[in-house]
Amino acid sequence: MSEPTGAARRRGPFQVGDQVQLTDPKGRHYTFTLEAGKNFHTHKGSFPHDELIGAPEGTVVRTTGNVAYLALRPLLPDYVLSMPRGAAVVYPKDAGQIISMADIFPGARVVEAGVGSGALSTYLLRAVGDQGMLSSYERRADFAEIARQNVERYFGGQHPAWKLTVGDLQDNLAESDVDRVILDMLAPWECLDAVSKALVPGGLVCCYVATTTQMSKTVEALREHRTFTEPQAWETMVRTWHLEGLAVRPDHRMIGHTGFLLTARRLADGVEPPMRRRRPAKGAYGEDYEAATS
């Protein structure tokens, strides 16, 4: 049985073409690709790549300036934060939430709109595996090319489950019987007709938006479409901790708001969504409220 795509690059001794992440004594990271005969240079000296080729992960190398660097393969969260960008990347904390809360499973048929730099695409491909399908849509050709290079660099070549299309999802979506749809775009409400037709009953749509205005408009559009369950929305924040002997306290900086996530499930055809019993707050729908279809 052959290994899943990219698995061989995640274990064993370092090989030519592998990504290496060096950590200096101050905890700073440096990422590069191993090439035979090349040297890695820093302001603290240099060392040859050949010193790492064939060595196990967790090796410590020293530069000509006698500074020690720990060498490991970058984890996927490290990779996506250091890779070349066209558009902003989906942060690891949000990508992890999407994989979990959208229930992206091995073999799933997933459609993604708004590829950006390919960070979320890489996470999704690892989750669906070689037997799944990820069909990604990106309206900008330059972003799509950057994403393609980043994804192929991570997996060591083309991924058999990935198809990348340049164009708008609502105009080009050809897939049907889709399990999950992930929308990372400015106006996800514009795609709901196409998404509803593509999803299987019980399928899930997950939207990643930056502002409360986008979130509100998307939620109301999902409700008015009447082919989805009541949407759920949330955001996550990550706070690291300082650990030094008995000095255990929260770090002064944290990863705060990056975006909102909201999900809804596809109802069976012809089924009316149950009436909501929740009483809206007074003034929630004022005279100046603009419906999602306006």
C-alpha atoms as a PDB file:
ATOM      1  CA  MET A   1       0.000   0.000   0.000  1.00  0.00           C
ATOM      2  CA  SER A   2       1.495   3.318  -1.073  1.00  0.00           C
ATOM      3  CA  GLU A   3       1.935   6.142   1.391  1.00  0.00           C
ATOM      4  CA  PRO A   4      -0.433   9.128   1.277  1.00  0.00           C
ATOM      5  CA  THR A   5       0.798  12.063  -0.796  1.00  0.00           C
ATOM      6  CA  GLY A   6       3.466  14.023   1.072  1.00  0.00           C
ATOM      7  CA  ALA A   7       3.773  11.573   3.994  1.00  0.00           C
ATOM      8  CA  ALA A   8       7.296  10.478   3.074  1.00  0.00           C
ATOM      9  CA  ARG A   9       8.450  14.096   3.371  1.00  0.00           C
ATOM     10  CA  ARG A  10       7.242  14.297   6.980  1.00  0.00           C
ATOM     11  CA  ARG A  11       9.498  11.634   8.539  1.00  0.00           C
ATOM     12  CA  GLY A  12      12.964  10.075   8.364  1.00  0.00           C
ATOM     13  CA  PRO A  13      16.361  11.722   7.818  1.00  0.00           C
ATOM     14  CA  PHE A  14      16.563  15.065   6.043  1.00  0.00           C
ATOM     15  CA  GLN A  15      16.696  14.754   2.258  1.00  0.00           C
ATOM     16  CA  VAL A  16      17.485  17.116  -0.609  1.00  0.00           C
ATOM     17  CA  GLY A  17      14.365  19.189  -1.303  1.00  0.00           C
ATOM     18  CA  ASP A  18      13.077  19.036   2.272  1.00  0.00           C
ATOM     19  CA  GLN A  19      11.964  22.172   4.065  1.00  0.00           C
ATOM     20  CA  VAL A  20      14.041  22.818   7.198  1.00  0.00           C
ATOM     21  CA  GLN A  21      13.156  25.130  10.071  1.00  0.00           C
ATOM     22  CA  LEU A  22      16.071  26.371  12.156  1.00  0.00           C
ATOM     23  CA  THR A  23      15.533  27.770  15.651  1.00  0.00           C
ATOM     24  CA  ASP A  24      18.200  30.071  17.094  1.00  0.00           C
ATOM     25  CA  PRO A  25      18.996  30.546  20.816  1.00  0.00           C
ATOM     26  CA  LYS A  26      16.416  33.383  20.994  1.00  0.00           C
ATOM     27  CA  GLY A  27      13.633  31.233  19.541  1.00  0.00           C
ATOM     28  CA  ARG A  28      13.612  32.884  16.105  1.00  0.00           C
ATOM     29  CA  HIS A  29      12.808  30.690  13.115  1.00  0.00           C
ATOM     30  CA  TYR A  30      14.503  30.475   9.716  1.00  0.00           C
ATOM     31  CA  THR A  31      13.058  28.259   6.963  1.00  0.00           C
ATOM     32  CA  PHE A  32      14.873  27.107   3.824  1.00  0.00           C
ATOM     33  CA  THR A  33      15.000  24.218   1.339  1.00  0.00           C
ATOM     34  CA  LEU A  34      17.883  21.749   1.460  1.00  0.00           C
ATOM     35  CA  GLU A  35      20.124  21.768  -1.623  1.00  0.00           C
ATOM     36  CA  ALA A  36      23.306  19.757  -2.022  1.00  0.00           C
ATOM     37  CA  GLY A  37      26.444  21.896  -2.051  1.00  0.00           C
ATOM     38  CA  LYS A  38      24.706  25.053  -0.801  1.00  0.00           C
ATOM     39  CA  ASN A  39      25.434  27.012   2.404  1.00  0.00           C
ATOM     40  CA  PHE A  40      23.006  28.598   4.861  1.00  0.00           C
ATOM     41  CA  HIS A  41      24.139  32.108   5.814  1.00  0.00           C
ATOM     42  CA  THR A  42      23.187  34.232   8.834  1.00  0.00           C
ATOM     43  CA  HIS A  43      24.749  37.253  10.505  1.00  0.00           C
ATOM     44  CA  LYS A  44      26.121  34.708  13.020  1.00  0.00           C
ATOM     45  CA  GLY A  45      28.033  32.719  10.402  1.00  0.00           C
ATOM     46  CA  SER A  46      27.164  29.893   8.020  1.00  0.00           C
ATOM     47  CA  PHE A  47      27.090  26.110   7.669  1.00  0.00           C
ATOM     48  CA  PRO A  48      26.765  23.742   4.661  1.00  0.00           C
ATOM     49  CA  HIS A  49      23.426  22.160   3.779  1.00  0.00           C
ATOM     50  CA  ASP A  50      25.318  18.867   3.376  1.00  0.00           C
ATOM     51  CA  GLU A  51      25.750  18.799   7.158  1.00  0.00           C
ATOM     52  CA  LEU A  52      21.989  18.265   7.493  1.00  0.00           C
ATOM     53  CA  ILE A  53      21.356  15.995   4.482  1.00  0.00           C
ATOM     54  CA  GLY A  54      21.028  12.465   5.859  1.00  0.00           C
ATOM     55  CA  ALA A  55      20.882  13.677   9.477  1.00  0.00           C
ATOM     56  CA  PRO A  56      17.827  12.959  11.680  1.00  0.00           C
ATOM     57  CA  GLU A  57      15.330  15.612  12.701  1.00  0.00           C
ATOM     58  CA  GLY A  58      16.172  17.279  15.990  1.00  0.00           C
ATOM     59  CA  THR A  59      19.819  17.725  14.976  1.00  0.00           C
ATOM     60  CA  VAL A  60      21.770  20.718  16.285  1.00  0.00           C
ATOM     61  CA  VAL A  61      24.147  22.415  13.854  1.00  0.00           C
ATOM     62  CA  ARG A  62      26.707  25.116  14.566  1.00  0.00           C
ATOM     63  CA  THR A  63      27.654  27.986  12.311  1.00  0.00           C
ATOM     64  CA  THR A  64      31.163  29.212  11.651  1.00  0.00           C
ATOM     65  CA  GLY A  65      30.397  31.760  14.403  1.00  0.00           C
ATOM     66  CA  ASN A  66      29.801  28.861  16.857  1.00  0.00           C
ATOM     67  CA  VAL A  67      26.063  29.605  17.232  1.00  0.00           C
ATOM     68  CA  ALA A  68      23.851  26.543  17.703  1.00  0.00           C
ATOM     69  CA  TYR A  69      20.659  26.075  15.653  1.00  0.00           C
ATOM     70  CA  LEU A  70      18.067  23.352  16.177  1.00  0.00           C
ATOM     71  CA  ALA A  71      16.937  21.783  12.872  1.00  0.00           C
ATOM     72  CA  LEU A  72      13.427  20.344  12.439  1.00  0.00           C
ATOM     73  CA  ARG A  73      10.935  20.048   9.609  1.00  0.00           C
ATOM     74  CA  PRO A  74       8.379  22.872   9.901  1.00  0.00           C
ATOM     75  CA  LEU A  75       4.931  21.829  11.064  1.00  0.00           C
ATOM     76  CA  LEU A  76       2.058  22.807   8.785  1.00  0.00           C
ATOM     77  CA  PRO A  77       1.178  25.842  10.998  1.00  0.00           C
ATOM     78  CA  ASP A  78       4.803  26.992  10.688  1.00  0.00           C
ATOM     79  CA  TYR A  79       4.814  26.408   6.938  1.00  0.00           C
ATOM     80  CA  VAL A  80       1.676  28.404   6.145  1.00  0.00           C
ATOM     81  CA  LEU A  81       2.845  31.386   8.201  1.00  0.00           C
ATOM     82  CA  SER A  82       6.235  31.523   6.466  1.00  0.00           C
ATOM     83  CA  MET A  83       5.270  30.675   2.872  1.00  0.00           C
ATOM     84  CA  PRO A  84       5.088  33.327   0.106  1.00  0.00           C
ATOM     85  CA  ARG A  85       1.796  35.228   0.098  1.00  0.00           C
ATOM     86  CA  GLY A  86      -0.414  36.799  -2.498  1.00  0.00           C
ATOM     87  CA  ALA A  87      -3.400  37.305  -0.225  1.00  0.00           C
ATOM     88  CA  ALA A  88      -3.605  37.005   3.555  1.00  0.00           C
ATOM     89  CA  VAL A  89      -3.565  33.415   4.803  1.00  0.00           C
ATOM     90  CA  VAL A  90      -6.155  31.692   6.971  1.00  0.00           C
ATOM     91  CA  TYR A  91      -4.485  31.487  10.391  1.00  0.00           C
ATOM     92  CA  PRO A  92      -3.805  27.996  11.812  1.00  0.00           C
ATOM     93  CA  LYS A  93      -6.283  28.578  14.649  1.00  0.00           C
ATOM     94  CA  ASP A  94      -9.078  29.189  12.125  1.00  0.00           C
ATOM     95  CA  ALA A  95      -7.976  26.399   9.786  1.00  0.00           C
ATOM     96  CA  GLY A  96      -8.077  23.971  12.705  1.00  0.00           C
ATOM     97  CA  GLN A  97     -11.581  25.129  13.601  1.00  0.00           C
ATOM     98  CA  ILE A  98     -12.725  24.688   9.994  1.00  0.00           C
ATOM     99  CA  ILE A  99     -11.332  21.144   9.795  1.00  0.00           C
ATOM    100  CA  SER A 100     -12.999  20.219  13.089  1.00  0.00           C
ATOM    101  CA  MET A 101     -16.278  22.149  13.134  1.00  0.00           C
ATOM    102  CA  ALA A 102     -16.993  21.648   9.426  1.00  0.00           C
ATOM    103  CA  ASP A 103     -16.243  17.938   9.952  1.00  0.00           C
ATOM    104  CA  ILE A 104     -13.801  17.563   7.038  1.00  0.00           C
ATOM    105  CA  PHE A 105     -13.304  13.794   6.879  1.00  0.00           C
ATOM    106  CA  PRO A 106     -11.048  11.475   4.823  1.00  0.00           C
ATOM    107  CA  GLY A 107     -12.618  10.925   1.408  1.00  0.00           C
ATOM    108  CA  ALA A 108     -14.860  14.000   1.647  1.00  0.00           C
ATOM    109  CA  ARG A 109     -15.844  15.919  -1.481  1.00  0.00           C
ATOM    110  CA  VAL A 110     -15.084  19.557  -0.670  1.00  0.00           C
ATOM    111  CA  VAL A 111     -15.454  22.790  -2.638  1.00  0.00           C
ATOM    112  CA  GLU A 112     -13.468  25.848  -1.589  1.00  0.00           C
ATOM    113  CA  ALA A 113     -13.900  29.403  -2.882  1.00  0.00           C
ATOM    114  CA  GLY A 114     -11.273  32.058  -2.212  1.00  0.00           C
ATOM    115  CA  VAL A 115      -7.948  30.200  -2.334  1.00  0.00           C
ATOM    116  CA  GLY A 116      -5.744  33.194  -1.507  1.00  0.00           C
ATOM    117  CA  SER A 117      -2.218  31.886  -0.889  1.00  0.00           C
ATOM    118  CA  GLY A 118      -3.204  28.231  -0.484  1.00  0.00           C
ATOM    119  CA  ALA A 119      -2.943  27.886   3.300  1.00  0.00           C
ATOM    120  CA  LEU A 120      -6.442  26.498   3.863  1.00  0.00           C
ATOM    121  CA  SER A 121      -6.176  24.393   0.692  1.00  0.00           C
ATOM    122  CA  THR A 122      -3.171  22.610   2.200  1.00  0.00           C
ATOM    123  CA  TYR A 123      -5.051  21.873   5.428  1.00  0.00           C
ATOM    124  CA  LEU A 124      -8.098  20.641   3.509  1.00  0.00           C
ATOM    125  CA  LEU A 125      -6.028  18.352   1.276  1.00  0.00           C
ATOM    126  CA  ARG A 126      -4.369  16.755   4.283  1.00  0.00           C
ATOM    127  CA  ALA A 127      -7.826  16.162   5.785  1.00  0.00           C
ATOM    128  CA  VAL A 128      -9.608  14.700   2.727  1.00  0.00           C
ATOM    129  CA  GLY A 129      -6.597  12.586   1.689  1.00  0.00           C
ATOM    130  CA  ASP A 130      -5.802  11.060  -1.686  1.00  0.00           C
ATOM    131  CA  GLN A 131      -9.249   9.419  -1.949  1.00  0.00           C
ATOM    132  CA  GLY A 132     -11.158  12.665  -1.363  1.00  0.00           C
ATOM    133  CA  MET A 133     -11.694  15.683  -3.585  1.00  0.00           C
ATOM    134  CA  LEU A 134     -10.927  19.354  -3.130  1.00  0.00           C
ATOM    135  CA  SER A 135     -12.119  21.659  -5.889  1.00  0.00           C
ATOM    136  CA  SER A 136     -10.815  25.190  -5.285  1.00  0.00           C
ATOM    137  CA  TYR A 137     -11.978  28.371  -7.020  1.00  0.00           C
ATOM    138  CA  GLU A 138      -9.953  31.605  -7.107  1.00  0.00           C
ATOM    139  CA  ARG A 139     -10.977  34.605  -9.176  1.00  0.00           C
ATOM    140  CA  ARG A 140      -7.434  36.056  -9.423  1.00  0.00           C
ATOM    141  CA  ALA A 141      -4.962  34.178 -11.587  1.00  0.00           C
ATOM    142  CA  ASP A 142      -1.923  35.599  -9.742  1.00  0.00           C
ATOM    143  CA  PHE A 143      -3.227  34.390  -6.378  1.00  0.00           C
ATOM    144  CA  ALA A 144      -4.054  30.996  -7.875  1.00  0.00           C
ATOM    145  CA  GLU A 145      -0.496  30.579  -9.147  1.00  0.00           C
ATOM    146  CA  ILE A 146       1.014  31.482  -5.764  1.00  0.00           C
ATOM    147  CA  ALA A 147      -1.367  29.012  -4.091  1.00  0.00           C
ATOM    148  CA  ARG A 148      -0.453  26.264  -6.548  1.00  0.00           C
ATOM    149  CA  GLN A 149       3.265  26.746  -5.882  1.00  0.00           C
ATOM    150  CA  ASN A 150       2.775  26.756  -2.090  1.00  0.00           C
ATOM    151  CA  VAL A 151       0.627  23.618  -2.087  1.00  0.00           C
ATOM    152  CA  GLU A 152       2.949  21.702  -4.407  1.00  0.00           C
ATOM    153  CA  ARG A 153       6.015  22.786  -2.428  1.00  0.00           C
ATOM    154  CA  TYR A 154       4.466  21.384   0.744  1.00  0.00           C
ATOM    155  CA  PHE A 155       3.382  18.042  -0.755  1.00  0.00           C
ATOM    156  CA  GLY A 156       6.425  17.660  -3.003  1.00  0.00           C
ATOM    157  CA  GLY A 157       4.383  17.804  -6.208  1.00  0.00           C
ATOM    158  CA  GLN A 158       0.822  17.769  -7.472  1.00  0.00           C
ATOM    159  CA  HIS A 159      -1.826  16.422  -5.100  1.00  0.00           C
ATOM    160  CA  PRO A 160      -4.136  13.869  -6.804  1.00  0.00           C
ATOM    161  CA  ALA A 161      -7.243  15.141  -4.962  1.00  0.00           C
ATOM    162  CA  TRP A 162      -6.866  18.814  -5.924  1.00  0.00           C
ATOM    163  CA  LYS A 163      -8.410  20.743  -8.795  1.00  0.00           C
ATOM    164  CA  LEU A 164      -7.804  24.497  -9.002  1.00  0.00           C
ATOM    165  CA  THR A 165     -10.046  26.685 -11.161  1.00  0.00           C
ATOM    166  CA  VAL A 166      -9.520  30.377 -11.927  1.00  0.00           C
ATOM    167  CA  GLY A 167     -12.918  32.101 -11.879  1.00  0.00           C
ATOM    168  CA  ASP A 168     -15.936  32.918  -9.722  1.00  0.00           C
ATOM    169  CA  LEU A 169     -17.558  29.990  -7.957  1.00  0.00           C
ATOM    170  CA  GLN A 170     -21.121  31.080  -8.758  1.00  0.00           C
ATOM    171  CA  ASP A 171     -20.317  31.163 -12.488  1.00  0.00           C
ATOM    172  CA  ASN A 172     -18.068  28.095 -12.758  1.00  0.00           C
ATOM    173  CA  LEU A 173     -19.151  25.582 -10.107  1.00  0.00           C
ATOM    174  CA  ALA A 174     -19.498  22.253 -11.888  1.00  0.00           C
ATOM    175  CA  GLU A 175     -19.384  19.811  -8.960  1.00  0.00           C
ATOM    176  CA  SER A 176     -22.464  18.102  -7.537  1.00  0.00           C
ATOM    177  CA  ASP A 177     -23.077  15.796  -4.563  1.00  0.00           C
ATOM    178  CA  VAL A 178     -20.596  17.832  -2.535  1.00  0.00           C
ATOM    179  CA  ASP A 179     -20.185  17.120   1.194  1.00  0.00           C
ATOM    180  CA  ARG A 180     -18.743  20.454   2.309  1.00  0.00           C
ATOM    181  CA  VAL A 181     -18.368  23.969   0.888  1.00  0.00           C
ATOM    182  CA  ILE A 182     -15.905  26.471   2.405  1.00  0.00           C
ATOM    183  CA  LEU A 183     -16.354  30.131   1.429  1.00  0.00           C
ATOM    184  CA  ASP A 184     -13.509  32.554   2.215  1.00  0.00           C
ATOM    185  CA  MET A 185     -14.658  35.620   0.300  1.00  0.00           C
ATOM    186  CA  LEU A 186     -16.069  39.141   0.637  1.00  0.00           C
ATOM    187  CA  ALA A 187     -19.675  38.317  -0.286  1.00  0.00           C
ATOM    188  CA  PRO A 188     -20.484  34.639   0.411  1.00  0.00           C
ATOM    189  CA  TRP A 189     -24.232  35.389   0.199  1.00  0.00           C
ATOM    190  CA  GLU A 190     -23.831  35.802  -3.571  1.00  0.00           C
ATOM    191  CA  CYS A 191     -22.944  32.089  -3.899  1.00  0.00           C
ATOM    192  CA  LEU A 192     -25.758  30.495  -1.893  1.00  0.00           C
ATOM    193  CA  ASP A 193     -27.825  29.410  -4.915  1.00  0.00           C
ATOM    194  CA  ALA A 194     -24.867  27.555  -6.415  1.00  0.00           C
ATOM    195  CA  VAL A 195     -23.816  26.149  -3.029  1.00  0.00           C
ATOM    196  CA  SER A 196     -27.327  24.898  -2.254  1.00  0.00           C
ATOM    197  CA  LYS A 197     -27.540  23.068  -5.591  1.00  0.00           C
ATOM    198  CA  ALA A 198     -24.124  21.453  -5.135  1.00  0.00           C
ATOM    199  CA  LEU A 199     -24.479  20.226  -1.528  1.00  0.00           C
ATOM    200  CA  VAL A 200     -25.932  16.853  -0.622  1.00  0.00           C
ATOM    201  CA  PRO A 201     -28.737  16.816   1.989  1.00  0.00           C
ATOM    202  CA  GLY A 202     -27.012  17.144   5.354  1.00  0.00           C
ATOM    203  CA  GLY A 203     -23.971  18.736   3.707  1.00  0.00           C
ATOM    204  CA  LEU A 204     -22.396  21.751   5.350  1.00  0.00           C
ATOM    205  CA  VAL A 205     -21.415  25.244   4.253  1.00  0.00           C
ATOM    206  CA  CYS A 206     -18.772  27.092   6.277  1.00  0.00           C
ATOM    207  CA  CYS A 207     -18.159  30.812   5.719  1.00  0.00           C
ATOM    208  CA  TYR A 208     -15.080  32.717   6.880  1.00  0.00           C
ATOM    209  CA  VAL A 209     -15.699  36.475   7.065  1.00  0.00           C
ATOM    210  CA  ALA A 210     -13.809  39.364   8.606  1.00  0.00           C
ATOM    211  CA  THR A 211     -16.472  41.796   9.828  1.00  0.00           C
ATOM    212  CA  THR A 212     -19.723  41.725  11.792  1.00  0.00           C
ATOM    213  CA  THR A 213     -21.487  43.355   8.822  1.00  0.00           C
ATOM    214  CA  GLN A 214     -20.475  40.480   6.534  1.00  0.00           C
ATOM    215  CA  MET A 215     -21.430  37.946   9.179  1.00  0.00           C
ATOM    216  CA  SER A 216     -24.881  39.476   9.722  1.00  0.00           C
ATOM    217  CA  LYS A 217     -25.634  39.712   6.005  1.00  0.00           C
ATOM    218  CA  THR A 218     -24.515  36.126   5.411  1.00  0.00           C
ATOM    219  CA  VAL A 219     -26.643  34.806   8.274  1.00  0.00           C
ATOM    220  CA  GLU A 220     -29.768  36.612   7.068  1.00  0.00           C
ATOM    221  CA  ALA A 221     -29.181  35.393   3.513  1.00  0.00           C
ATOM    222  CA  LEU A 222     -28.875  31.796   4.748  1.00  0.00           C
ATOM    223  CA  ARG A 223     -32.140  32.161   6.659  1.00  0.00           C
ATOM    224  CA  GLU A 224     -33.980  33.681   3.711  1.00  0.00           C
ATOM    225  CA  HIS A 225     -32.727  31.008   1.329  1.00  0.00           C
ATOM    226  CA  ARG A 226     -34.758  28.423   3.273  1.00  0.00           C
ATOM    227  CA  THR A 227     -32.664  25.435   2.228  1.00  0.00           C
ATOM    228  CA  PHE A 228     -30.306  25.614   5.220  1.00  0.00           C
ATOM    229  CA  THR A 229     -30.560  25.018   8.946  1.00  0.00           C
ATOM    230  CA  GLU A 230     -30.218  27.890  11.423  1.00  0.00           C
ATOM    231  CA  PRO A 231     -26.627  29.233  11.106  1.00  0.00           C
ATOM    232  CA  GLN A 232     -24.143  29.128  13.974  1.00  0.00           C
ATOM    233  CA  ALA A 233     -21.323  31.679  14.275  1.00  0.00           C
ATOM    234  CA  TRP A 234     -18.249  32.093  16.480  1.00  0.00           C
ATOM    235  CA  GLU A 235     -14.660  33.334  16.655  1.00  0.00           C
ATOM    236  CA  THR A 236     -11.587  31.988  18.440  1.00  0.00           C
ATOM    237  CA  MET A 237      -8.690  33.686  20.179  1.00  0.00           C
ATOM    238  CA  VAL A 238      -5.386  32.126  21.180  1.00  0.00           C
ATOM    239  CA  ARG A 239      -3.287  33.233  24.145  1.00  0.00           C
ATOM    240  CA  THR A 240       0.137  31.699  24.765  1.00  0.00           C
ATOM    241  CA  TRP A 241       1.802  31.520  28.172  1.00  0.00           C
ATOM    242  CA  HIS A 242       5.206  32.537  29.510  1.00  0.00           C
ATOM    243  CA  LEU A 243       6.865  29.576  31.271  1.00  0.00           C
ATOM    244  CA  GLU A 244      10.039  30.286  33.219  1.00  0.00           C
ATOM    245  CA  GLY A 245      10.438  28.431  36.511  1.00  0.00           C
ATOM    246  CA  LEU A 246       7.757  29.726  38.873  1.00  0.00           C
ATOM    247  CA  ALA A 247       7.048  32.691  36.584  1.00  0.00           C
ATOM    248  CA  VAL A 248       3.996  31.198  34.871  1.00  0.00           C
ATOM    249  CA  ARG A 249       1.719  33.856  33.400  1.00  0.00           C
ATOM    250  CA  PRO A 250      -0.093  34.770  30.175  1.00  0.00           C
ATOM    251  CA  ASP A 251       2.025  36.342  27.460  1.00  0.00           C
ATOM    252  CA  HIS A 252       1.427  40.041  26.886  1.00  0.00           C
ATOM    253  CA  ARG A 253       0.509  39.436  23.241  1.00  0.00           C
ATOM    254  CA  MET A 254      -2.116  37.098  21.831  1.00  0.00           C
ATOM    255  CA  ILE A 255      -3.689  36.140  18.506  1.00  0.00           C
ATOM    256  CA  GLY A 256      -7.001  37.964  18.773  1.00  0.00           C
ATOM    257  CA  HIS A 257      -9.640  38.528  16.141  1.00  0.00           C
ATOM    258  CA  THR A 258      -8.800  37.261  12.679  1.00  0.00           C
ATOM    259  CA  GLY A 259     -12.247  36.379  11.358  1.00  0.00           C
ATOM    260  CA  PHE A 260     -15.669  34.927  12.103  1.00  0.00           C
ATOM    261  CA  LEU A 261     -16.709  31.412  11.189  1.00  0.00           C
ATOM    262  CA  LEU A 262     -20.303  30.417  10.575  1.00  0.00           C
ATOM    263  CA  THR A 263     -21.814  27.120   9.518  1.00  0.00           C
ATOM    264  CA  ALA A 264     -25.177  25.798   8.320  1.00  0.00           C
ATOM    265  CA  ARG A 265     -26.402  22.408   7.095  1.00  0.00           C
ATOM    266  CA  ARG A 266     -28.235  21.671   3.842  1.00  0.00           C
ATOM    267  CA  LEU A 267     -31.841  20.601   4.304  1.00  0.00           C
ATOM    268  CA  ALA A 268     -33.444  17.868   2.200  1.00  0.00           C
ATOM    269  CA  ASP A 269     -35.212  19.120  -0.925  1.00  0.00           C
ATOM    270  CA  GLY A 270     -38.733  20.358  -0.266  1.00  0.00           C
ATOM    271  CA  VAL A 271     -38.278  20.535   3.510  1.00  0.00           C
ATOM    272  CA  GLU A 272     -39.254  23.753   5.264  1.00  0.00           C
ATOM    273  CA  PRO A 273     -36.854  24.829   8.031  1.00  0.00           C
ATOM    274  CA  PRO A 274     -38.460  24.742  11.510  1.00  0.00           C
ATOM    275  CA  MET A 275     -39.678  28.071  12.846  1.00  0.00           C
ATOM    276  CA  ARG A 276     -37.253  29.814  15.148  1.00  0.00           C
ATOM    277  CA  ARG A 277     -38.518  30.189  18.705  1.00  0.00           C
ATOM    278  CA  ARG A 278     -35.929  32.752  19.764  1.00  0.00           C
ATOM    279  CA  ARG A 279     -37.296  36.248  20.386  1.00  0.00           C
ATOM    280  CA  PRO A 280     -35.110  38.873  18.659  1.00  0.00           C
ATOM    281  CA  ALA A 281     -33.679  41.715  20.694  1.00  0.00           C
ATOM    282  CA  LYS A 282     -35.625  44.971  20.623  1.00  0.00           C
ATOM    283  CA  GLY A 283     -34.476  47.077  17.665  1.00  0.00           C
ATOM    284  CA  ALA A 284     -32.572  44.191  16.046  1.00  0.00           C
ATOM    285  CA  TYR A 285     -34.441  44.873  12.802  1.00  0.00           C
ATOM    286  CA  GLY A 286     -34.755  48.656  12.633  1.00  0.00           C
ATOM    287  CA  GLU A 287     -36.186  50.810   9.879  1.00  0.00           C
ATOM    288  CA  ASP A 288     -32.738  51.250   8.344  1.00  0.00           C
ATOM    289  CA  TYR A 289     -32.104  47.477   8.143  1.00  0.00           C
ATOM    290  CA  GLU A 290     -31.310  46.305   4.601  1.00  0.00           C
ATOM    291  CA  ALA A 291     -32.278  42.719   3.809  1.00  0.00           C
ATOM    292  CA  ALA A 292     -29.637  40.438   2.308  1.00  0.00           C
ATOM    293  CA  THR A 293     -31.425  40.475  -1.016  1.00  0.00           C
ATOM    294  CA  SER A 294     -31.494  44.246  -1.331  1.00  0.00           C
END
